[in-house]
Amino acid sequence: MAKTVLVIIQEDPRKTHRPVEALRIALGLVAGSHHTTVILLGESIRLLYENIDDLIDVDILEKYLPSVEYLKIPFILQSKTDRASIREEFHIQYSSDENIRALINSAERSLVF
């Protein structure tokens, strides 16, 4: 039975490989039968920036991004996020912190990175 799964990424991809690994895990969950959404908090939004050259594991990230786009993985970003550097080809929704908290509380499963 399909579960509602949230992958919450809050770490800075310039400082650790974990955000890219979390995105890879989300990609695997979407390929299955789970209803998966990725929530990007803080500096993790850099995963969707136009310029990603300063990220750790950028070569791996570049391999995943076309599949992320093709599968239309839903991303939720904080409404206060500066949208100027974010690539437009992804399925992005902006939400208040309060709505993000409610979504996290309602999910059947969540993975936090």
PDB file of N, CA and C in Angstrom:
ATOM      1  N   MET A   1       0.836  -1.173   0.000  1.00  0.00           N
ATOM      2  CA  MET A   1       0.000   0.000   0.000  1.00  0.00           C
ATOM      3  C   MET A   1       0.890   1.249   0.000  1.00  0.00           C
ATOM      4  N   ALA A   2       0.545   2.211  -0.829  1.00  0.00           N
ATOM      5  CA  ALA A   2       1.320   3.437  -0.952  1.00  0.00           C
ATOM      6  C   ALA A   2       1.233   4.270   0.324  1.00  0.00           C
ATOM      7  N   LYS A   3       2.347   4.809   0.711  1.00  0.00           N
ATOM      8  CA  LYS A   3       2.440   5.664   1.897  1.00  0.00           C
ATOM      9  C   LYS A   3       2.738   7.094   1.453  1.00  0.00           C
ATOM     10  N   THR A   4       2.341   8.044   2.280  1.00  0.00           N
ATOM     11  CA  THR A   4       2.722   9.433   2.085  1.00  0.00           C
ATOM     12  C   THR A   4       4.050   9.638   2.788  1.00  0.00           C
ATOM     13  N   VAL A   5       5.071   9.956   1.998  1.00  0.00           N
ATOM     14  CA  VAL A   5       6.427  10.069   2.528  1.00  0.00           C
ATOM     15  C   VAL A   5       6.961  11.472   2.250  1.00  0.00           C
ATOM     16  N   LEU A   6       7.553  12.076   3.264  1.00  0.00           N
ATOM     17  CA  LEU A   6       8.226  13.359   3.108  1.00  0.00           C
ATOM     18  C   LEU A   6       9.721  13.155   3.273  1.00  0.00           C
ATOM     19  N   VAL A   7      10.484  13.737   2.376  1.00  0.00           N
ATOM     20  CA  VAL A   7      11.931  13.776   2.519  1.00  0.00           C
ATOM     21  C   VAL A   7      12.250  15.233   2.836  1.00  0.00           C
ATOM     22  N   ILE A   8      12.699  15.476   4.057  1.00  0.00           N
ATOM     23  CA  ILE A   8      12.957  16.836   4.535  1.00  0.00           C
ATOM     24  C   ILE A   8      14.466  17.048   4.526  1.00  0.00           C
ATOM     25  N   ILE A   9      14.897  18.009   3.720  1.00  0.00           N
ATOM     26  CA  ILE A   9      16.330  18.281   3.597  1.00  0.00           C
ATOM     27  C   ILE A   9      16.588  19.672   4.161  1.00  0.00           C
ATOM     28  N   GLN A  10      17.478  19.734   5.147  1.00  0.00           N
ATOM     29  CA  GLN A  10      17.763  21.016   5.786  1.00  0.00           C
ATOM     30  C   GLN A  10      19.247  21.350   5.842  1.00  0.00           C
ATOM     31  N   GLU A  11      20.086  20.434   5.413  1.00  0.00           N
ATOM     32  CA  GLU A  11      21.526  20.674   5.485  1.00  0.00           C
ATOM     33  C   GLU A  11      22.023  21.413   4.249  1.00  0.00           C
ATOM     34  N   ASP A  12      23.148  22.085   4.394  1.00  0.00           N
ATOM     35  CA  ASP A  12      23.744  22.883   3.332  1.00  0.00           C
ATOM     36  C   ASP A  12      24.545  21.977   2.395  1.00  0.00           C
ATOM     37  N   PRO A  13      24.160  21.886   1.120  1.00  0.00           N
ATOM     38  CA  PRO A  13      24.874  21.004   0.188  1.00  0.00           C
ATOM     39  C   PRO A  13      26.277  21.500  -0.178  1.00  0.00           C
ATOM     40  N   ARG A  14      26.665  22.664   0.304  1.00  0.00           N
ATOM     41  CA  ARG A  14      28.046  23.133   0.113  1.00  0.00           C
ATOM     42  C   ARG A  14      28.958  22.577   1.193  1.00  0.00           C
ATOM     43  N   LYS A  15      28.360  22.024   2.268  1.00  0.00           N
ATOM     44  CA  LYS A  15      29.150  21.568   3.416  1.00  0.00           C
ATOM     45  C   LYS A  15      29.107  20.065   3.642  1.00  0.00           C
ATOM     46  N   THR A  16      28.114  19.384   3.063  1.00  0.00           N
ATOM     47  CA  THR A  16      27.975  17.944   3.277  1.00  0.00           C
ATOM     48  C   THR A  16      27.339  17.290   2.053  1.00  0.00           C
ATOM     49  N   HIS A  17      27.616  16.015   1.891  1.00  0.00           N
ATOM     50  CA  HIS A  17      27.060  15.247   0.782  1.00  0.00           C
ATOM     51  C   HIS A  17      25.614  14.802   1.046  1.00  0.00           C
ATOM     52  N   ARG A  18      25.142  14.925   2.271  1.00  0.00           N
ATOM     53  CA  ARG A  18      23.831  14.391   2.666  1.00  0.00           C
ATOM     54  C   ARG A  18      22.637  14.934   1.864  1.00  0.00           C
ATOM     55  N   PRO A  19      22.592  16.213   1.501  1.00  0.00           N
ATOM     56  CA  PRO A  19      21.443  16.681   0.706  1.00  0.00           C
ATOM     57  C   PRO A  19      21.329  15.990  -0.655  1.00  0.00           C
ATOM     58  N   VAL A  20      22.443  15.766  -1.311  1.00  0.00           N
ATOM     59  CA  VAL A  20      22.403  15.068  -2.607  1.00  0.00           C
ATOM     60  C   VAL A  20      21.970  13.626  -2.399  1.00  0.00           C
ATOM     61  N   GLU A  21      22.469  12.997  -1.361  1.00  0.00           N
ATOM     62  CA  GLU A  21      22.063  11.615  -1.050  1.00  0.00           C
ATOM     63  C   GLU A  21      20.574  11.554  -0.715  1.00  0.00           C
ATOM     64  N   ALA A  22      20.074  12.543  -0.002  1.00  0.00           N
ATOM     65  CA  ALA A  22      18.648  12.587   0.330  1.00  0.00           C
ATOM     66  C   ALA A  22      17.798  12.707  -0.928  1.00  0.00           C
ATOM     67  N   LEU A  23      18.261  13.493  -1.874  1.00  0.00           N
ATOM     68  CA  LEU A  23      17.533  13.628  -3.142  1.00  0.00           C
ATOM     69  C   LEU A  23      17.543  12.311  -3.914  1.00  0.00           C
ATOM     70  N   ARG A  24      18.644  11.588  -3.847  1.00  0.00           N
ATOM     71  CA  ARG A  24      18.718  10.274  -4.492  1.00  0.00           C
ATOM     72  C   ARG A  24      17.719   9.319  -3.855  1.00  0.00           C
ATOM     73  N   ILE A  25      17.607   9.346  -2.552  1.00  0.00           N
ATOM     74  CA  ILE A  25      16.648   8.495  -1.842  1.00  0.00           C
ATOM     75  C   ILE A  25      15.226   8.867  -2.241  1.00  0.00           C
ATOM     76  N   ALA A  26      14.936  10.158  -2.319  1.00  0.00           N
ATOM     77  CA  ALA A  26      13.604  10.615  -2.740  1.00  0.00           C
ATOM     78  C   ALA A  26      13.291  10.115  -4.135  1.00  0.00           C
ATOM     79  N   LEU A  27      14.261  10.137  -5.018  1.00  0.00           N
ATOM     80  CA  LEU A  27      14.079   9.651  -6.383  1.00  0.00           C
ATOM     81  C   LEU A  27      13.715   8.166  -6.376  1.00  0.00           C
ATOM     82  N   GLY A  28      14.359   7.402  -5.531  1.00  0.00           N
ATOM     83  CA  GLY A  28      14.040   5.982  -5.412  1.00  0.00           C
ATOM     84  C   GLY A  28      12.640   5.749  -4.870  1.00  0.00           C
ATOM     85  N   LEU A  29      12.222   6.555  -3.914  1.00  0.00           N
ATOM     86  CA  LEU A  29      10.873   6.416  -3.349  1.00  0.00           C
ATOM     87  C   LEU A  29       9.799   6.763  -4.379  1.00  0.00           C
ATOM     88  N   VAL A  30      10.048   7.780  -5.182  1.00  0.00           N
ATOM     89  CA  VAL A  30       9.086   8.180  -6.213  1.00  0.00           C
ATOM     90  C   VAL A  30       8.963   7.090  -7.269  1.00  0.00           C
ATOM     91  N   ALA A  31      10.063   6.419  -7.563  1.00  0.00           N
ATOM     92  CA  ALA A  31      10.038   5.352  -8.557  1.00  0.00           C
ATOM     93  C   ALA A  31       9.193   4.168  -8.088  1.00  0.00           C
ATOM     94  N   GLY A  32       8.979   4.062  -6.793  1.00  0.00           N
ATOM     95  CA  GLY A  32       8.112   3.024  -6.241  1.00  0.00           C
ATOM     96  C   GLY A  32       6.674   3.515  -6.216  1.00  0.00           C
ATOM     97  N   SER A  33       5.921   3.017  -5.287  1.00  0.00           N
ATOM     98  CA  SER A  33       4.493   3.361  -5.243  1.00  0.00           C
ATOM     99  C   SER A  33       4.164   4.423  -4.194  1.00  0.00           C
ATOM    100  N   HIS A  34       5.171   4.992  -3.558  1.00  0.00           N
ATOM    101  CA  HIS A  34       4.915   5.961  -2.495  1.00  0.00           C
ATOM    102  C   HIS A  34       4.623   7.351  -3.050  1.00  0.00           C
ATOM    103  N   HIS A  35       3.786   8.092  -2.349  1.00  0.00           N
ATOM    104  CA  HIS A  35       3.511   9.484  -2.669  1.00  0.00           C
ATOM    105  C   HIS A  35       4.555  10.306  -1.928  1.00  0.00           C
ATOM    106  N   THR A  36       5.588  10.724  -2.654  1.00  0.00           N
ATOM    107  CA  THR A  36       6.752  11.345  -2.031  1.00  0.00           C
ATOM    108  C   THR A  36       6.829  12.825  -2.371  1.00  0.00           C
ATOM    109  N   THR A  37       7.114  13.629  -1.366  1.00  0.00           N
ATOM    110  CA  THR A  37       7.314  15.068  -1.512  1.00  0.00           C
ATOM    111  C   THR A  37       8.620  15.428  -0.829  1.00  0.00           C
ATOM    112  N   VAL A  38       9.361  16.348  -1.430  1.00  0.00           N
ATOM    113  CA  VAL A  38      10.623  16.815  -0.856  1.00  0.00           C
ATOM    114  C   VAL A  38      10.411  18.219  -0.318  1.00  0.00           C
ATOM    115  N   ILE A  39      10.773  18.420   0.940  1.00  0.00           N
ATOM    116  CA  ILE A  39      10.721  19.745   1.559  1.00  0.00           C
ATOM    117  C   ILE A  39      12.157  20.230   1.706  1.00  0.00           C
ATOM    118  N   LEU A  40      12.449  21.383   1.121  1.00  0.00           N
ATOM    119  CA  LEU A  40      13.779  21.971   1.218  1.00  0.00           C
ATOM    120  C   LEU A  40      13.729  23.159   2.164  1.00  0.00           C
ATOM    121  N   LEU A  41      14.559  23.112   3.193  1.00  0.00           N
ATOM    122  CA  LEU A  41      14.612  24.177   4.194  1.00  0.00           C
ATOM    123  C   LEU A  41      16.011  24.794   4.214  1.00  0.00           C
ATOM    124  N   GLY A  42      16.079  26.055   4.546  1.00  0.00           N
ATOM    125  CA  GLY A  42      17.369  26.724   4.681  1.00  0.00           C
ATOM    126  C   GLY A  42      18.186  26.664   3.406  1.00  0.00           C
ATOM    127  N   GLU A  43      19.477  26.395   3.563  1.00  0.00           N
ATOM    128  CA  GLU A  43      20.411  26.395   2.432  1.00  0.00           C
ATOM    129  C   GLU A  43      20.236  25.195   1.497  1.00  0.00           C
ATOM    130  N   SER A  44      19.439  24.223   1.870  1.00  0.00           N
ATOM    131  CA  SER A  44      19.237  23.057   0.994  1.00  0.00           C
ATOM    132  C   SER A  44      18.578  23.447  -0.327  1.00  0.00           C
ATOM    133  N   ILE A  45      17.963  24.623  -0.381  1.00  0.00           N
ATOM    134  CA  ILE A  45      17.345  25.069  -1.644  1.00  0.00           C
ATOM    135  C   ILE A  45      18.378  25.208  -2.756  1.00  0.00           C
ATOM    136  N   ARG A  46      19.645  25.259  -2.392  1.00  0.00           N
ATOM    137  CA  ARG A  46      20.715  25.361  -3.390  1.00  0.00           C
ATOM    138  C   ARG A  46      20.734  24.158  -4.334  1.00  0.00           C
ATOM    139  N   LEU A  47      20.113  23.060  -3.936  1.00  0.00           N
ATOM    140  CA  LEU A  47      20.016  21.898  -4.821  1.00  0.00           C
ATOM    141  C   LEU A  47      19.287  22.235  -6.113  1.00  0.00           C
ATOM    142  N   LEU A  48      18.430  23.247  -6.084  1.00  0.00           N
ATOM    143  CA  LEU A  48      17.632  23.627  -7.250  1.00  0.00           C
ATOM    144  C   LEU A  48      18.116  24.920  -7.903  1.00  0.00           C
ATOM    145  N   TYR A  49      19.270  25.420  -7.495  1.00  0.00           N
ATOM    146  CA  TYR A  49      19.800  26.655  -8.064  1.00  0.00           C
ATOM    147  C   TYR A  49      20.291  26.434  -9.491  1.00  0.00           C
ATOM    148  N   GLU A  50      20.316  27.513 -10.245  1.00  0.00           N
ATOM    149  CA  GLU A  50      20.897  27.490 -11.594  1.00  0.00           C
ATOM    150  C   GLU A  50      22.383  27.111 -11.520  1.00  0.00           C
ATOM    151  N   ASN A  51      23.112  27.769 -10.632  1.00  0.00           N
ATOM    152  CA  ASN A  51      24.537  27.525 -10.489  1.00  0.00           C
ATOM    153  C   ASN A  51      24.763  26.608  -9.290  1.00  0.00           C
ATOM    154  N   ILE A  52      25.186  25.387  -9.570  1.00  0.00           N
ATOM    155  CA  ILE A  52      25.395  24.400  -8.505  1.00  0.00           C
ATOM    156  C   ILE A  52      26.851  23.955  -8.402  1.00  0.00           C
ATOM    157  N   ASP A  53      27.737  24.695  -9.041  1.00  0.00           N
ATOM    158  CA  ASP A  53      29.147  24.293  -9.098  1.00  0.00           C
ATOM    159  C   ASP A  53      29.836  24.186  -7.741  1.00  0.00           C
ATOM    160  N   ASP A  54      29.353  24.914  -6.733  1.00  0.00           N
ATOM    161  CA  ASP A  54      30.013  24.901  -5.431  1.00  0.00           C
ATOM    162  C   ASP A  54      29.461  23.834  -4.478  1.00  0.00           C
ATOM    163  N   LEU A  55      28.582  22.970  -4.980  1.00  0.00           N
ATOM    164  CA  LEU A  55      27.984  21.939  -4.122  1.00  0.00           C
ATOM    165  C   LEU A  55      28.858  20.690  -4.071  1.00  0.00           C
ATOM    166  N   ILE A  56      28.826  20.027  -2.931  1.00  0.00           N
ATOM    167  CA  ILE A  56      29.500  18.735  -2.796  1.00  0.00           C
ATOM    168  C   ILE A  56      28.705  17.705  -3.582  1.00  0.00           C
ATOM    169  N   ASP A  57      29.398  16.839  -4.275  1.00  0.00           N
ATOM    170  CA  ASP A  57      28.781  15.792  -5.110  1.00  0.00           C
ATOM    171  C   ASP A  57      27.966  16.371  -6.263  1.00  0.00           C
ATOM    172  N   VAL A  58      28.425  17.496  -6.818  1.00  0.00           N
ATOM    173  CA  VAL A  58      27.698  18.131  -7.918  1.00  0.00           C
ATOM    174  C   VAL A  58      27.589  17.200  -9.128  1.00  0.00           C
ATOM    175  N   ASP A  59      28.613  16.381  -9.362  1.00  0.00           N
ATOM    176  CA  ASP A  59      28.559  15.458 -10.499  1.00  0.00           C
ATOM    177  C   ASP A  59      27.442  14.427 -10.333  1.00  0.00           C
ATOM    178  N   ILE A  60      27.208  13.981  -9.119  1.00  0.00           N
ATOM    179  CA  ILE A  60      26.118  13.036  -8.851  1.00  0.00           C
ATOM    180  C   ILE A  60      24.778  13.751  -8.968  1.00  0.00           C
ATOM    181  N   LEU A  61      24.688  14.944  -8.416  1.00  0.00           N
ATOM    182  CA  LEU A  61      23.456  15.717  -8.496  1.00  0.00           C
ATOM    183  C   LEU A  61      23.049  15.962  -9.945  1.00  0.00           C
ATOM    184  N   GLU A  62      23.999  16.287 -10.793  1.00  0.00           N
ATOM    185  CA  GLU A  62      23.704  16.551 -12.201  1.00  0.00           C
ATOM    186  C   GLU A  62      23.128  15.314 -12.906  1.00  0.00           C
ATOM    187  N   LYS A  63      23.482  14.136 -12.441  1.00  0.00           N
ATOM    188  CA  LYS A  63      22.913  12.908 -13.004  1.00  0.00           C
ATOM    189  C   LYS A  63      21.456  12.728 -12.603  1.00  0.00           C
ATOM    190  N   TYR A  64      21.111  13.140 -11.387  1.00  0.00           N
ATOM    191  CA  TYR A  64      19.758  12.936 -10.861  1.00  0.00           C
ATOM    192  C   TYR A  64      18.750  13.977 -11.318  1.00  0.00           C
ATOM    193  N   LEU A  65      19.190  15.202 -11.523  1.00  0.00           N
ATOM    194  CA  LEU A  65      18.251  16.291 -11.791  1.00  0.00           C
ATOM    195  C   LEU A  65      17.342  16.074 -13.005  1.00  0.00           C
ATOM    196  N   PRO A  66      17.831  15.503 -14.119  1.00  0.00           N
ATOM    197  CA  PRO A  66      16.904  15.248 -15.226  1.00  0.00           C
ATOM    198  C   PRO A  66      15.774  14.282 -14.838  1.00  0.00           C
ATOM    199  N   SER A  67      16.068  13.273 -14.040  1.00  0.00           N
ATOM    200  CA  SER A  67      15.030  12.337 -13.592  1.00  0.00           C
ATOM    201  C   SER A  67      14.077  13.009 -12.618  1.00  0.00           C
ATOM    202  N   VAL A  68      14.607  13.857 -11.754  1.00  0.00           N
ATOM    203  CA  VAL A  68      13.771  14.602 -10.811  1.00  0.00           C
ATOM    204  C   VAL A  68      12.785  15.466 -11.588  1.00  0.00           C
ATOM    205  N   GLU A  69      13.278  16.120 -12.630  1.00  0.00           N
ATOM    206  CA  GLU A  69      12.414  16.953 -13.463  1.00  0.00           C
ATOM    207  C   GLU A  69      11.389  16.101 -14.218  1.00  0.00           C
ATOM    208  N   TYR A  70      11.844  15.020 -14.834  1.00  0.00           N
ATOM    209  CA  TYR A  70      10.968  14.163 -15.634  1.00  0.00           C
ATOM    210  C   TYR A  70       9.839  13.557 -14.789  1.00  0.00           C
ATOM    211  N   LEU A  71      10.160  13.114 -13.593  1.00  0.00           N
ATOM    212  CA  LEU A  71       9.166  12.489 -12.715  1.00  0.00           C
ATOM    213  C   LEU A  71       8.300  13.513 -11.973  1.00  0.00           C
ATOM    214  N   LYS A  72       8.626  14.778 -12.149  1.00  0.00           N
ATOM    215  CA  LYS A  72       7.871  15.865 -11.516  1.00  0.00           C
ATOM    216  C   LYS A  72       7.754  15.679 -10.002  1.00  0.00           C
ATOM    217  N   ILE A  73       8.881  15.372  -9.394  1.00  0.00           N
ATOM    218  CA  ILE A  73       8.909  15.231  -7.937  1.00  0.00           C
ATOM    219  C   ILE A  73       8.490  16.565  -7.332  1.00  0.00           C
ATOM    220  N   PRO A  74       7.498  16.550  -6.474  1.00  0.00           N
ATOM    221  CA  PRO A  74       7.056  17.816  -5.874  1.00  0.00           C
ATOM    222  C   PRO A  74       8.011  18.294  -4.787  1.00  0.00           C
ATOM    223  N   PHE A  75       8.360  19.570  -4.879  1.00  0.00           N
ATOM    224  CA  PHE A  75       9.190  20.223  -3.876  1.00  0.00           C
ATOM    225  C   PHE A  75       8.354  21.267  -3.162  1.00  0.00           C
ATOM    226  N   ILE A  76       8.568  21.378  -1.872  1.00  0.00           N
ATOM    227  CA  ILE A  76       7.953  22.454  -1.100  1.00  0.00           C
ATOM    228  C   ILE A  76       9.083  23.275  -0.503  1.00  0.00           C
ATOM    229  N   LEU A  77       9.042  24.578  -0.757  1.00  0.00           N
ATOM    230  CA  LEU A  77      10.011  25.512  -0.221  1.00  0.00           C
ATOM    231  C   LEU A  77       9.272  26.536   0.624  1.00  0.00           C
ATOM    232  N   GLN A  78       9.980  27.124   1.550  1.00  0.00           N
ATOM    233  CA  GLN A  78       9.380  28.141   2.408  1.00  0.00           C
ATOM    234  C   GLN A  78       8.989  29.354   1.559  1.00  0.00           C
ATOM    235  N   SER A  79       7.858  29.947   1.873  1.00  0.00           N
ATOM    236  CA  SER A  79       7.366  31.074   1.087  1.00  0.00           C
ATOM    237  C   SER A  79       8.310  32.269   1.129  1.00  0.00           C
ATOM    238  N   LYS A  80       9.130  32.377   2.160  1.00  0.00           N
ATOM    239  CA  LYS A  80      10.078  33.484   2.273  1.00  0.00           C
ATOM    240  C   LYS A  80      11.335  33.272   1.435  1.00  0.00           C
ATOM    241  N   THR A  81      11.439  32.154   0.719  1.00  0.00           N
ATOM    242  CA  THR A  81      12.598  31.817  -0.085  1.00  0.00           C
ATOM    243  C   THR A  81      12.795  32.825  -1.220  1.00  0.00           C
ATOM    244  N   ASP A  82      14.045  33.249  -1.417  1.00  0.00           N
ATOM    245  CA  ASP A  82      14.377  34.093  -2.560  1.00  0.00           C
ATOM    246  C   ASP A  82      14.327  33.223  -3.814  1.00  0.00           C
ATOM    247  N   ARG A  83      13.455  33.554  -4.728  1.00  0.00           N
ATOM    248  CA  ARG A  83      13.202  32.711  -5.904  1.00  0.00           C
ATOM    249  C   ARG A  83      14.073  33.042  -7.101  1.00  0.00           C
ATOM    250  N   ALA A  84      14.898  34.057  -6.995  1.00  0.00           N
ATOM    251  CA  ALA A  84      15.654  34.550  -8.145  1.00  0.00           C
ATOM    252  C   ALA A  84      16.612  33.515  -8.740  1.00  0.00           C
ATOM    253  N   SER A  85      17.264  32.700  -7.923  1.00  0.00           N
ATOM    254  CA  SER A  85      18.273  31.759  -8.421  1.00  0.00           C
ATOM    255  C   SER A  85      17.734  30.358  -8.672  1.00  0.00           C
ATOM    256  N   ILE A  86      16.478  30.105  -8.361  1.00  0.00           N
ATOM    257  CA  ILE A  86      15.923  28.758  -8.460  1.00  0.00           C
ATOM    258  C   ILE A  86      15.493  28.458  -9.891  1.00  0.00           C
ATOM    259  N   ARG A  87      15.888  27.281 -10.366  1.00  0.00           N
ATOM    260  CA  ARG A  87      15.508  26.847 -11.716  1.00  0.00           C
ATOM    261  C   ARG A  87      14.000  26.623 -11.777  1.00  0.00           C
ATOM    262  N   GLU A  88      13.415  26.973 -12.887  1.00  0.00           N
ATOM    263  CA  GLU A  88      11.963  26.946 -13.025  1.00  0.00           C
ATOM    264  C   GLU A  88      11.398  25.618 -13.531  1.00  0.00           C
ATOM    265  N   GLU A  89      12.239  24.698 -13.958  1.00  0.00           N
ATOM    266  CA  GLU A  89      11.720  23.469 -14.557  1.00  0.00           C
ATOM    267  C   GLU A  89      11.218  22.434 -13.555  1.00  0.00           C
ATOM    268  N   PHE A  90      11.415  22.704 -12.281  1.00  0.00           N
ATOM    269  CA  PHE A  90      10.972  21.756 -11.274  1.00  0.00           C
ATOM    270  C   PHE A  90       9.560  22.072 -10.792  1.00  0.00           C
ATOM    271  N   HIS A  91       8.923  21.081 -10.209  1.00  0.00           N
ATOM    272  CA  HIS A  91       7.558  21.211  -9.697  1.00  0.00           C
ATOM    273  C   HIS A  91       7.657  21.741  -8.261  1.00  0.00           C
ATOM    274  N   ILE A  92       7.589  23.076  -8.114  1.00  0.00           N
ATOM    275  CA  ILE A  92       7.833  23.722  -6.823  1.00  0.00           C
ATOM    276  C   ILE A  92       6.577  24.415  -6.326  1.00  0.00           C
ATOM    277  N   GLN A  93       6.336  24.223  -5.041  1.00  0.00           N
ATOM    278  CA  GLN A  93       5.252  24.927  -4.354  1.00  0.00           C
ATOM    279  C   GLN A  93       5.892  25.681  -3.187  1.00  0.00           C
ATOM    280  N   TYR A  94       5.446  26.892  -2.957  1.00  0.00           N
ATOM    281  CA  TYR A  94       5.938  27.681  -1.836  1.00  0.00           C
ATOM    282  C   TYR A  94       4.877  27.689  -0.753  1.00  0.00           C
ATOM    283  N   SER A  95       5.310  27.501   0.476  1.00  0.00           N
ATOM    284  CA  SER A  95       4.355  27.365   1.564  1.00  0.00           C
ATOM    285  C   SER A  95       4.884  28.049   2.827  1.00  0.00           C
ATOM    286  N   SER A  96       3.974  28.467   3.676  1.00  0.00           N
ATOM    287  CA  SER A  96       4.361  29.087   4.946  1.00  0.00           C
ATOM    288  C   SER A  96       4.940  28.028   5.884  1.00  0.00           C
ATOM    289  N   ASP A  97       5.705  28.496   6.861  1.00  0.00           N
ATOM    290  CA  ASP A  97       6.267  27.577   7.852  1.00  0.00           C
ATOM    291  C   ASP A  97       5.157  26.819   8.574  1.00  0.00           C
ATOM    292  N   GLU A  98       4.077  27.490   8.835  1.00  0.00           N
ATOM    293  CA  GLU A  98       2.939  26.861   9.519  1.00  0.00           C
ATOM    294  C   GLU A  98       2.350  25.721   8.679  1.00  0.00           C
ATOM    295  N   ASN A  99       2.191  25.947   7.385  1.00  0.00           N
ATOM    296  CA  ASN A  99       1.658  24.892   6.511  1.00  0.00           C
ATOM    297  C   ASN A  99       2.642  23.737   6.363  1.00  0.00           C
ATOM    298  N   ILE A 100       3.929  24.053   6.342  1.00  0.00           N
ATOM    299  CA  ILE A 100       4.945  22.993   6.263  1.00  0.00           C
ATOM    300  C   ILE A 100       4.896  22.131   7.525  1.00  0.00           C
ATOM    301  N   ARG A 101       4.761  22.756   8.687  1.00  0.00           N
ATOM    302  CA  ARG A 101       4.641  21.999   9.943  1.00  0.00           C
ATOM    303  C   ARG A 101       3.430  21.076   9.904  1.00  0.00           C
ATOM    304  N   ALA A 102       2.307  21.585   9.431  1.00  0.00           N
ATOM    305  CA  ALA A 102       1.080  20.779   9.358  1.00  0.00           C
ATOM    306  C   ALA A 102       1.275  19.605   8.401  1.00  0.00           C
ATOM    307  N   LEU A 103       1.947  19.832   7.292  1.00  0.00           N
ATOM    308  CA  LEU A 103       2.205  18.754   6.337  1.00  0.00           C
ATOM    309  C   LEU A 103       3.089  17.681   6.965  1.00  0.00           C
ATOM    310  N   ILE A 104       4.124  18.098   7.673  1.00  0.00           N
ATOM    311  CA  ILE A 104       5.006  17.140   8.332  1.00  0.00           C
ATOM    312  C   ILE A 104       4.239  16.321   9.360  1.00  0.00           C
ATOM    313  N   ASN A 105       3.373  16.952  10.114  1.00  0.00           N
ATOM    314  CA  ASN A 105       2.591  16.251  11.111  1.00  0.00           C
ATOM    315  C   ASN A 105       1.581  15.276  10.505  1.00  0.00           C
ATOM    316  N   SER A 106       1.156  15.530   9.287  1.00  0.00           N
ATOM    317  CA  SER A 106       0.156  14.678   8.652  1.00  0.00           C
ATOM    318  C   SER A 106       0.739  13.523   7.841  1.00  0.00           C
ATOM    319  N   ALA A 107       2.042  13.559   7.588  1.00  0.00           N
ATOM    320  CA  ALA A 107       2.684  12.522   6.771  1.00  0.00           C
ATOM    321  C   ALA A 107       2.745  11.197   7.516  1.00  0.00           C
ATOM    322  N   GLU A 108       2.626  10.118   6.748  1.00  0.00           N
ATOM    323  CA  GLU A 108       2.744   8.785   7.345  1.00  0.00           C
ATOM    324  C   GLU A 108       4.195   8.445   7.682  1.00  0.00           C
ATOM    325  N   ARG A 109       5.103   8.912   6.852  1.00  0.00           N
ATOM    326  CA  ARG A 109       6.533   8.667   7.044  1.00  0.00           C
ATOM    327  C   ARG A 109       7.307   9.923   6.693  1.00  0.00           C
ATOM    328  N   SER A 110       8.422  10.133   7.371  1.00  0.00           N
ATOM    329  CA  SER A 110       9.280  11.247   7.006  1.00  0.00           C
ATOM    330  C   SER A 110      10.741  10.869   7.248  1.00  0.00           C
ATOM    331  N   LEU A 111      11.575  11.348   6.360  1.00  0.00           N
ATOM    332  CA  LEU A 111      13.012  11.162   6.461  1.00  0.00           C
ATOM    333  C   LEU A 111      13.624  12.555   6.550  1.00  0.00           C
ATOM    334  N   VAL A 112      14.467  12.780   7.533  1.00  0.00           N
ATOM    335  CA  VAL A 112      15.026  14.103   7.756  1.00  0.00           C
ATOM    336  C   VAL A 112      16.538  14.058   7.572  1.00  0.00           C
ATOM    337  N   PHE A 113      17.027  14.960   6.735  1.00  0.00           N
ATOM    338  CA  PHE A 113      18.464  15.057   6.462  1.00  0.00           C
ATOM    339  C   PHE A 113      18.944  16.474   6.739  1.00  0.00           C
TER     340      PHE A 113
END
